[in-house]
Amino acid sequence: MSKPDFSTLTRQNIVAFIGDIFERCGDEEYLGEPVTMAQHMLQGATIAENNGQGDDIIVAALLHDIGHFTSEFGTFSMADTKDRFHEEAGAQVLAEFFSSVVTDCVRYHVAAKRYLCATKPDYYKRLSTASVHSLNLQGGAMIPQEVADFARMPNLKKIIQVRYLDDAGKHADMETPDFWHFAPMVQRIVDQHCGD
């Protein structure tokens, strides 16, 4: 698969671009879970919104897995034997248009899983089968030096919040609004970052 061309993206069309991804690709299976890709991300954003989280957390939860659609390496499957680095692919697409809080939550939500597995003994037990499989491909629980380095991340608290929202967004029967409910919020975040 060739690398997608993102050179035409601007602050005026990035939200429509993301919305189009949700509409075209959102019905794809989410990594062996009982939800689609779109349902997974929309559930995380909806839970964040319902819990009164800030716009940056809601938008980060909404977009944390966008790299599954924008990566030149394609989407993860349970048959994979190596990581596809969707978190980095997503962060690279978003970095020009979103704050460091949002892009850090996207870029480090996989590392946050590894961090929590190393620092919270009960966390690993809560992971789904698919999440355990991807964890093994992503390097497993962090070693002590990685934990120490990650604990110094400037947006650590929010990265961890989005990680928990990622874990929560896997309910087969949860109803959510569609992407366009969140689109005005996404545009506000873009405008704040890019300057009015």
C-alpha atoms as a PDB file:
ATOM      1  CA  MET A   1       0.000   0.000   0.000  1.00  0.00           C
ATOM      2  CA  SER A   2       1.450   3.410  -0.928  1.00  0.00           C
ATOM      3  CA  LYS A   3       1.612   6.235   1.586  1.00  0.00           C
ATOM      4  CA  PRO A   4      -1.509   8.454   1.442  1.00  0.00           C
ATOM      5  CA  ASP A   5      -1.033  12.047   0.257  1.00  0.00           C
ATOM      6  CA  PHE A   6      -2.068  14.507   2.957  1.00  0.00           C
ATOM      7  CA  SER A   7      -0.534  17.574   1.276  1.00  0.00           C
ATOM      8  CA  THR A   8      -3.927  19.071   0.387  1.00  0.00           C
ATOM      9  CA  LEU A   9      -5.164  19.182   3.984  1.00  0.00           C
ATOM     10  CA  THR A  10      -5.859  22.618   5.471  1.00  0.00           C
ATOM     11  CA  ARG A  11      -7.549  23.913   8.614  1.00  0.00           C
ATOM     12  CA  GLN A  12     -10.625  24.493   6.435  1.00  0.00           C
ATOM     13  CA  ASN A  13     -10.917  20.901   5.188  1.00  0.00           C
ATOM     14  CA  ILE A  14      -9.317  18.717   7.903  1.00  0.00           C
ATOM     15  CA  VAL A  15     -12.628  18.189   9.749  1.00  0.00           C
ATOM     16  CA  ALA A  16     -14.439  17.195   6.550  1.00  0.00           C
ATOM     17  CA  PHE A  17     -11.516  14.883   5.713  1.00  0.00           C
ATOM     18  CA  ILE A  18     -11.828  13.146   9.090  1.00  0.00           C
ATOM     19  CA  GLY A  19     -15.614  12.966   8.762  1.00  0.00           C
ATOM     20  CA  ASP A  20     -15.215  11.325   5.369  1.00  0.00           C
ATOM     21  CA  ILE A  21     -12.892   8.735   6.914  1.00  0.00           C
ATOM     22  CA  PHE A  22     -15.514   7.922   9.539  1.00  0.00           C
ATOM     23  CA  GLU A  23     -18.188   7.528   6.868  1.00  0.00           C
ATOM     24  CA  ARG A  24     -16.114   5.513   4.382  1.00  0.00           C
ATOM     25  CA  CYS A  25     -14.099   3.332   6.753  1.00  0.00           C
ATOM     26  CA  GLY A  26     -15.900   3.446  10.088  1.00  0.00           C
ATOM     27  CA  ASP A  27     -17.808   0.203   9.538  1.00  0.00           C
ATOM     28  CA  GLU A  28     -14.585  -1.813   9.458  1.00  0.00           C
ATOM     29  CA  GLU A  29     -14.119  -4.376  12.221  1.00  0.00           C
ATOM     30  CA  TYR A  30     -12.239  -3.041  15.220  1.00  0.00           C
ATOM     31  CA  LEU A  31      -9.412  -5.438  15.979  1.00  0.00           C
ATOM     32  CA  GLY A  32     -11.487  -8.451  16.922  1.00  0.00           C
ATOM     33  CA  GLU A  33     -13.731  -6.423  19.264  1.00  0.00           C
ATOM     34  CA  PRO A  34     -17.580  -6.429  19.210  1.00  0.00           C
ATOM     35  CA  VAL A  35     -17.694  -2.901  17.745  1.00  0.00           C
ATOM     36  CA  THR A  36     -16.694  -1.217  14.494  1.00  0.00           C
ATOM     37  CA  MET A  37     -13.831   1.249  14.277  1.00  0.00           C
ATOM     38  CA  ALA A  38     -16.231   4.208  14.248  1.00  0.00           C
ATOM     39  CA  GLN A  39     -18.278   2.868  17.164  1.00  0.00           C
ATOM     40  CA  HIS A  40     -15.107   2.407  19.195  1.00  0.00           C
ATOM     41  CA  MET A  41     -13.890   5.973  18.734  1.00  0.00           C
ATOM     42  CA  LEU A  42     -17.374   7.501  19.048  1.00  0.00           C
ATOM     43  CA  GLN A  43     -17.960   5.587  22.274  1.00  0.00           C
ATOM     44  CA  GLY A  44     -14.783   6.951  23.833  1.00  0.00           C
ATOM     45  CA  ALA A  45     -15.716  10.505  22.846  1.00  0.00           C
ATOM     46  CA  THR A  46     -19.301  10.078  24.061  1.00  0.00           C
ATOM     47  CA  ILE A  47     -18.194   8.718  27.437  1.00  0.00           C
ATOM     48  CA  ALA A  48     -15.795  11.654  27.788  1.00  0.00           C
ATOM     49  CA  GLU A  49     -18.521  14.150  26.863  1.00  0.00           C
ATOM     50  CA  ASN A  50     -21.057  12.548  29.217  1.00  0.00           C
ATOM     51  CA  ASN A  51     -18.505  12.722  32.047  1.00  0.00           C
ATOM     52  CA  GLY A  52     -17.886  16.438  31.485  1.00  0.00           C
ATOM     53  CA  GLN A  53     -14.343  16.062  30.176  1.00  0.00           C
ATOM     54  CA  GLY A  54     -12.724  18.992  28.376  1.00  0.00           C
ATOM     55  CA  ASP A  55     -12.919  19.427  24.621  1.00  0.00           C
ATOM     56  CA  ASP A  56      -9.301  18.322  24.176  1.00  0.00           C
ATOM     57  CA  ILE A  57      -9.954  14.959  25.867  1.00  0.00           C
ATOM     58  CA  ILE A  58     -13.203  14.423  23.949  1.00  0.00           C
ATOM     59  CA  VAL A  59     -11.509  15.165  20.618  1.00  0.00           C
ATOM     60  CA  ALA A  60      -8.456  13.072  21.474  1.00  0.00           C
ATOM     61  CA  ALA A  61     -10.701  10.125  22.377  1.00  0.00           C
ATOM     62  CA  LEU A  62     -12.601  10.613  19.120  1.00  0.00           C
ATOM     63  CA  LEU A  63      -9.415  10.620  17.036  1.00  0.00           C
ATOM     64  CA  HIS A  64      -7.032   8.373  18.976  1.00  0.00           C
ATOM     65  CA  ASP A  65      -7.258   5.494  16.465  1.00  0.00           C
ATOM     66  CA  ILE A  66      -7.481   7.563  13.265  1.00  0.00           C
ATOM     67  CA  GLY A  67      -4.077   6.159  12.324  1.00  0.00           C
ATOM     68  CA  HIS A  68      -5.677   2.800  11.576  1.00  0.00           C
ATOM     69  CA  PHE A  69      -7.159   4.534   8.522  1.00  0.00           C
ATOM     70  CA  THR A  70      -4.275   6.819   7.586  1.00  0.00           C
ATOM     71  CA  SER A  71      -1.313   4.473   8.027  1.00  0.00           C
ATOM     72  CA  GLU A  72       0.489   3.305   4.937  1.00  0.00           C
ATOM     73  CA  PHE A  73       0.720  -0.050   6.699  1.00  0.00           C
ATOM     74  CA  GLY A  74      -3.044  -0.625   6.860  1.00  0.00           C
ATOM     75  CA  THR A  75      -5.157  -1.698   9.793  1.00  0.00           C
ATOM     76  CA  PHE A  76      -4.357  -4.148  12.571  1.00  0.00           C
ATOM     77  CA  SER A  77      -5.773  -7.654  12.557  1.00  0.00           C
ATOM     78  CA  MET A  78      -5.646 -10.545  15.006  1.00  0.00           C
ATOM     79  CA  ALA A  79      -3.456 -12.392  12.498  1.00  0.00           C
ATOM     80  CA  ASP A  80      -0.703  -9.743  12.674  1.00  0.00           C
ATOM     81  CA  THR A  81       2.752 -10.781  13.785  1.00  0.00           C
ATOM     82  CA  LYS A  82       4.222  -7.255  13.961  1.00  0.00           C
ATOM     83  CA  ASP A  83       3.060  -3.808  14.997  1.00  0.00           C
ATOM     84  CA  ARG A  84       1.683  -1.331  12.445  1.00  0.00           C
ATOM     85  CA  PHE A  85       2.379   1.840  14.517  1.00  0.00           C
ATOM     86  CA  HIS A  86      -1.088   3.328  13.962  1.00  0.00           C
ATOM     87  CA  GLU A  87      -0.546   5.758  16.829  1.00  0.00           C
ATOM     88  CA  GLU A  88       2.367   7.457  15.074  1.00  0.00           C
ATOM     89  CA  ALA A  89       0.557   7.480  11.725  1.00  0.00           C
ATOM     90  CA  GLY A  90      -2.439   9.218  13.293  1.00  0.00           C
ATOM     91  CA  ALA A  91      -0.366  11.756  15.200  1.00  0.00           C
ATOM     92  CA  GLN A  92       1.559  12.700  12.057  1.00  0.00           C
ATOM     93  CA  VAL A  93      -1.656  13.507  10.182  1.00  0.00           C
ATOM     94  CA  LEU A  94      -3.085  15.534  13.066  1.00  0.00           C
ATOM     95  CA  ALA A  95       0.047  17.363  14.269  1.00  0.00           C
ATOM     96  CA  GLU A  96      -0.289  20.395  11.982  1.00  0.00           C
ATOM     97  CA  PHE A  97      -3.889  21.065  13.000  1.00  0.00           C
ATOM     98  CA  PHE A  98      -4.233  20.002  16.651  1.00  0.00           C
ATOM     99  CA  SER A  99      -2.657  20.963  19.958  1.00  0.00           C
ATOM    100  CA  SER A 100       0.131  18.946  21.533  1.00  0.00           C
ATOM    101  CA  VAL A 101      -2.376  17.627  24.078  1.00  0.00           C
ATOM    102  CA  VAL A 102      -4.496  16.021  21.340  1.00  0.00           C
ATOM    103  CA  THR A 103      -1.559  14.764  19.298  1.00  0.00           C
ATOM    104  CA  ASP A 104       0.239  13.435  22.401  1.00  0.00           C
ATOM    105  CA  CYS A 105      -2.895  11.520  23.419  1.00  0.00           C
ATOM    106  CA  VAL A 106      -3.008   9.993  19.933  1.00  0.00           C
ATOM    107  CA  ARG A 107       0.743   9.360  19.699  1.00  0.00           C
ATOM    108  CA  TYR A 108       1.129   7.842  23.176  1.00  0.00           C
ATOM    109  CA  HIS A 109      -2.122   5.960  23.840  1.00  0.00           C
ATOM    110  CA  VAL A 110      -0.330   2.692  22.999  1.00  0.00           C
ATOM    111  CA  ALA A 111       2.605   3.586  25.246  1.00  0.00           C
ATOM    112  CA  ALA A 112       0.078   4.413  27.981  1.00  0.00           C
ATOM    113  CA  LYS A 113      -1.223   0.843  27.795  1.00  0.00           C
ATOM    114  CA  ARG A 114       2.311  -0.455  28.215  1.00  0.00           C
ATOM    115  CA  TYR A 115       2.866   2.007  31.091  1.00  0.00           C
ATOM    116  CA  LEU A 116      -0.319   1.000  32.912  1.00  0.00           C
ATOM    117  CA  CYS A 117       0.500  -2.684  32.525  1.00  0.00           C
ATOM    118  CA  ALA A 118       3.819  -1.997  34.260  1.00  0.00           C
ATOM    119  CA  THR A 119       2.501   0.288  37.014  1.00  0.00           C
ATOM    120  CA  LYS A 120      -1.021  -0.984  37.809  1.00  0.00           C
ATOM    121  CA  PRO A 121      -1.069  -4.754  38.433  1.00  0.00           C
ATOM    122  CA  ASP A 122      -4.827  -5.077  37.882  1.00  0.00           C
ATOM    123  CA  TYR A 123      -4.840  -3.154  34.604  1.00  0.00           C
ATOM    124  CA  TYR A 124      -3.593  -6.049  32.463  1.00  0.00           C
ATOM    125  CA  LYS A 125      -6.467  -8.247  33.694  1.00  0.00           C
ATOM    126  CA  ARG A 126      -8.981  -5.756  32.257  1.00  0.00           C
ATOM    127  CA  LEU A 127      -7.591  -5.901  28.718  1.00  0.00           C
ATOM    128  CA  SER A 128      -9.555  -7.673  26.012  1.00  0.00           C
ATOM    129  CA  THR A 129      -8.026 -10.579  24.093  1.00  0.00           C
ATOM    130  CA  ALA A 130      -7.383  -8.316  21.103  1.00  0.00           C
ATOM    131  CA  SER A 131      -5.757  -5.671  23.297  1.00  0.00           C
ATOM    132  CA  VAL A 132      -3.469  -8.283  24.851  1.00  0.00           C
ATOM    133  CA  HIS A 133      -2.487  -9.477  21.365  1.00  0.00           C
ATOM    134  CA  SER A 134      -1.650  -5.948  20.230  1.00  0.00           C
ATOM    135  CA  LEU A 135       0.203  -5.289  23.516  1.00  0.00           C
ATOM    136  CA  ASN A 136       2.491  -8.225  22.769  1.00  0.00           C
ATOM    137  CA  LEU A 137       3.242  -6.804  19.322  1.00  0.00           C
ATOM    138  CA  GLN A 138       3.803  -3.329  20.798  1.00  0.00           C
ATOM    139  CA  GLY A 139       6.518  -4.402  23.221  1.00  0.00           C
ATOM    140  CA  GLY A 140       4.607  -5.623  26.270  1.00  0.00           C
ATOM    141  CA  ALA A 141       4.680  -3.913  29.648  1.00  0.00           C
ATOM    142  CA  MET A 142       7.290  -1.167  29.970  1.00  0.00           C
ATOM    143  CA  ILE A 143      10.587  -1.887  31.697  1.00  0.00           C
ATOM    144  CA  PRO A 144      11.492   0.356  34.674  1.00  0.00           C
ATOM    145  CA  GLN A 145      13.531   2.869  32.647  1.00  0.00           C
ATOM    146  CA  GLU A 146      10.685   3.267  30.137  1.00  0.00           C
ATOM    147  CA  VAL A 147       8.261   3.791  33.028  1.00  0.00           C
ATOM    148  CA  ALA A 148      10.490   6.498  34.506  1.00  0.00           C
ATOM    149  CA  ASP A 149      10.811   8.253  31.150  1.00  0.00           C
ATOM    150  CA  PHE A 150       7.100   8.043  30.366  1.00  0.00           C
ATOM    151  CA  ALA A 151       6.132   9.338  33.821  1.00  0.00           C
ATOM    152  CA  ARG A 152       7.816  12.634  32.870  1.00  0.00           C
ATOM    153  CA  MET A 153       5.572  13.212  29.854  1.00  0.00           C
ATOM    154  CA  PRO A 154       4.116  16.754  30.016  1.00  0.00           C
ATOM    155  CA  ASN A 155       0.577  15.602  29.122  1.00  0.00           C
ATOM    156  CA  LEU A 156       0.720  12.318  31.066  1.00  0.00           C
ATOM    157  CA  LYS A 157      -2.557  12.736  32.972  1.00  0.00           C
ATOM    158  CA  LYS A 158      -4.560  13.416  29.813  1.00  0.00           C
ATOM    159  CA  ILE A 159      -2.819  10.647  27.866  1.00  0.00           C
ATOM    160  CA  ILE A 160      -3.845   8.203  30.614  1.00  0.00           C
ATOM    161  CA  GLN A 161      -7.420   9.549  30.560  1.00  0.00           C
ATOM    162  CA  VAL A 162      -7.649   8.856  26.822  1.00  0.00           C
ATOM    163  CA  ARG A 163      -6.161   5.392  27.348  1.00  0.00           C
ATOM    164  CA  TYR A 164      -8.954   4.546  29.774  1.00  0.00           C
ATOM    165  CA  LEU A 165     -11.518   5.921  27.304  1.00  0.00           C
ATOM    166  CA  ASP A 166      -9.947   3.717  24.617  1.00  0.00           C
ATOM    167  CA  ASP A 167     -10.446   0.689  26.878  1.00  0.00           C
ATOM    168  CA  ALA A 168     -14.036   1.724  27.654  1.00  0.00           C
ATOM    169  CA  GLY A 169     -15.176   2.112  24.034  1.00  0.00           C
ATOM    170  CA  LYS A 170     -15.954  -1.511  23.273  1.00  0.00           C
ATOM    171  CA  HIS A 171     -19.668  -1.972  24.043  1.00  0.00           C
ATOM    172  CA  ALA A 172     -21.692  -3.750  21.366  1.00  0.00           C
ATOM    173  CA  ASP A 173     -24.964  -2.140  22.443  1.00  0.00           C
ATOM    174  CA  MET A 174     -23.936   1.448  23.255  1.00  0.00           C
ATOM    175  CA  GLU A 175     -25.653   4.208  21.277  1.00  0.00           C
ATOM    176  CA  THR A 176     -23.670   7.299  20.344  1.00  0.00           C
ATOM    177  CA  PRO A 177     -24.078  10.349  18.162  1.00  0.00           C
ATOM    178  CA  ASP A 178     -22.247  10.272  14.838  1.00  0.00           C
ATOM    179  CA  PHE A 179     -19.028  12.096  13.992  1.00  0.00           C
ATOM    180  CA  TRP A 180     -20.864  15.237  12.911  1.00  0.00           C
ATOM    181  CA  HIS A 181     -22.143  15.790  16.444  1.00  0.00           C
ATOM    182  CA  PHE A 182     -18.521  16.324  17.455  1.00  0.00           C
ATOM    183  CA  ALA A 183     -17.409  18.134  14.281  1.00  0.00           C
ATOM    184  CA  PRO A 184     -17.978  21.705  15.598  1.00  0.00           C
ATOM    185  CA  MET A 185     -15.853  20.864  18.648  1.00  0.00           C
ATOM    186  CA  VAL A 186     -13.138  19.376  16.430  1.00  0.00           C
ATOM    187  CA  GLN A 187     -13.167  22.556  14.308  1.00  0.00           C
ATOM    188  CA  ARG A 188     -12.875  24.737  17.433  1.00  0.00           C
ATOM    189  CA  ILE A 189      -9.817  22.772  18.542  1.00  0.00           C
ATOM    190  CA  VAL A 190      -8.295  23.179  15.061  1.00  0.00           C
ATOM    191  CA  ASP A 191      -9.045  26.918  14.989  1.00  0.00           C
ATOM    192  CA  GLN A 192      -7.572  27.434  18.463  1.00  0.00           C
ATOM    193  CA  HIS A 193      -4.386  25.672  17.423  1.00  0.00           C
ATOM    194  CA  CYS A 194      -4.044  27.298  14.023  1.00  0.00           C
ATOM    195  CA  GLY A 195      -5.086  30.782  15.195  1.00  0.00           C
ATOM    196  CA  ASP A 196      -8.358  32.495  14.352  1.00  0.00           C
END
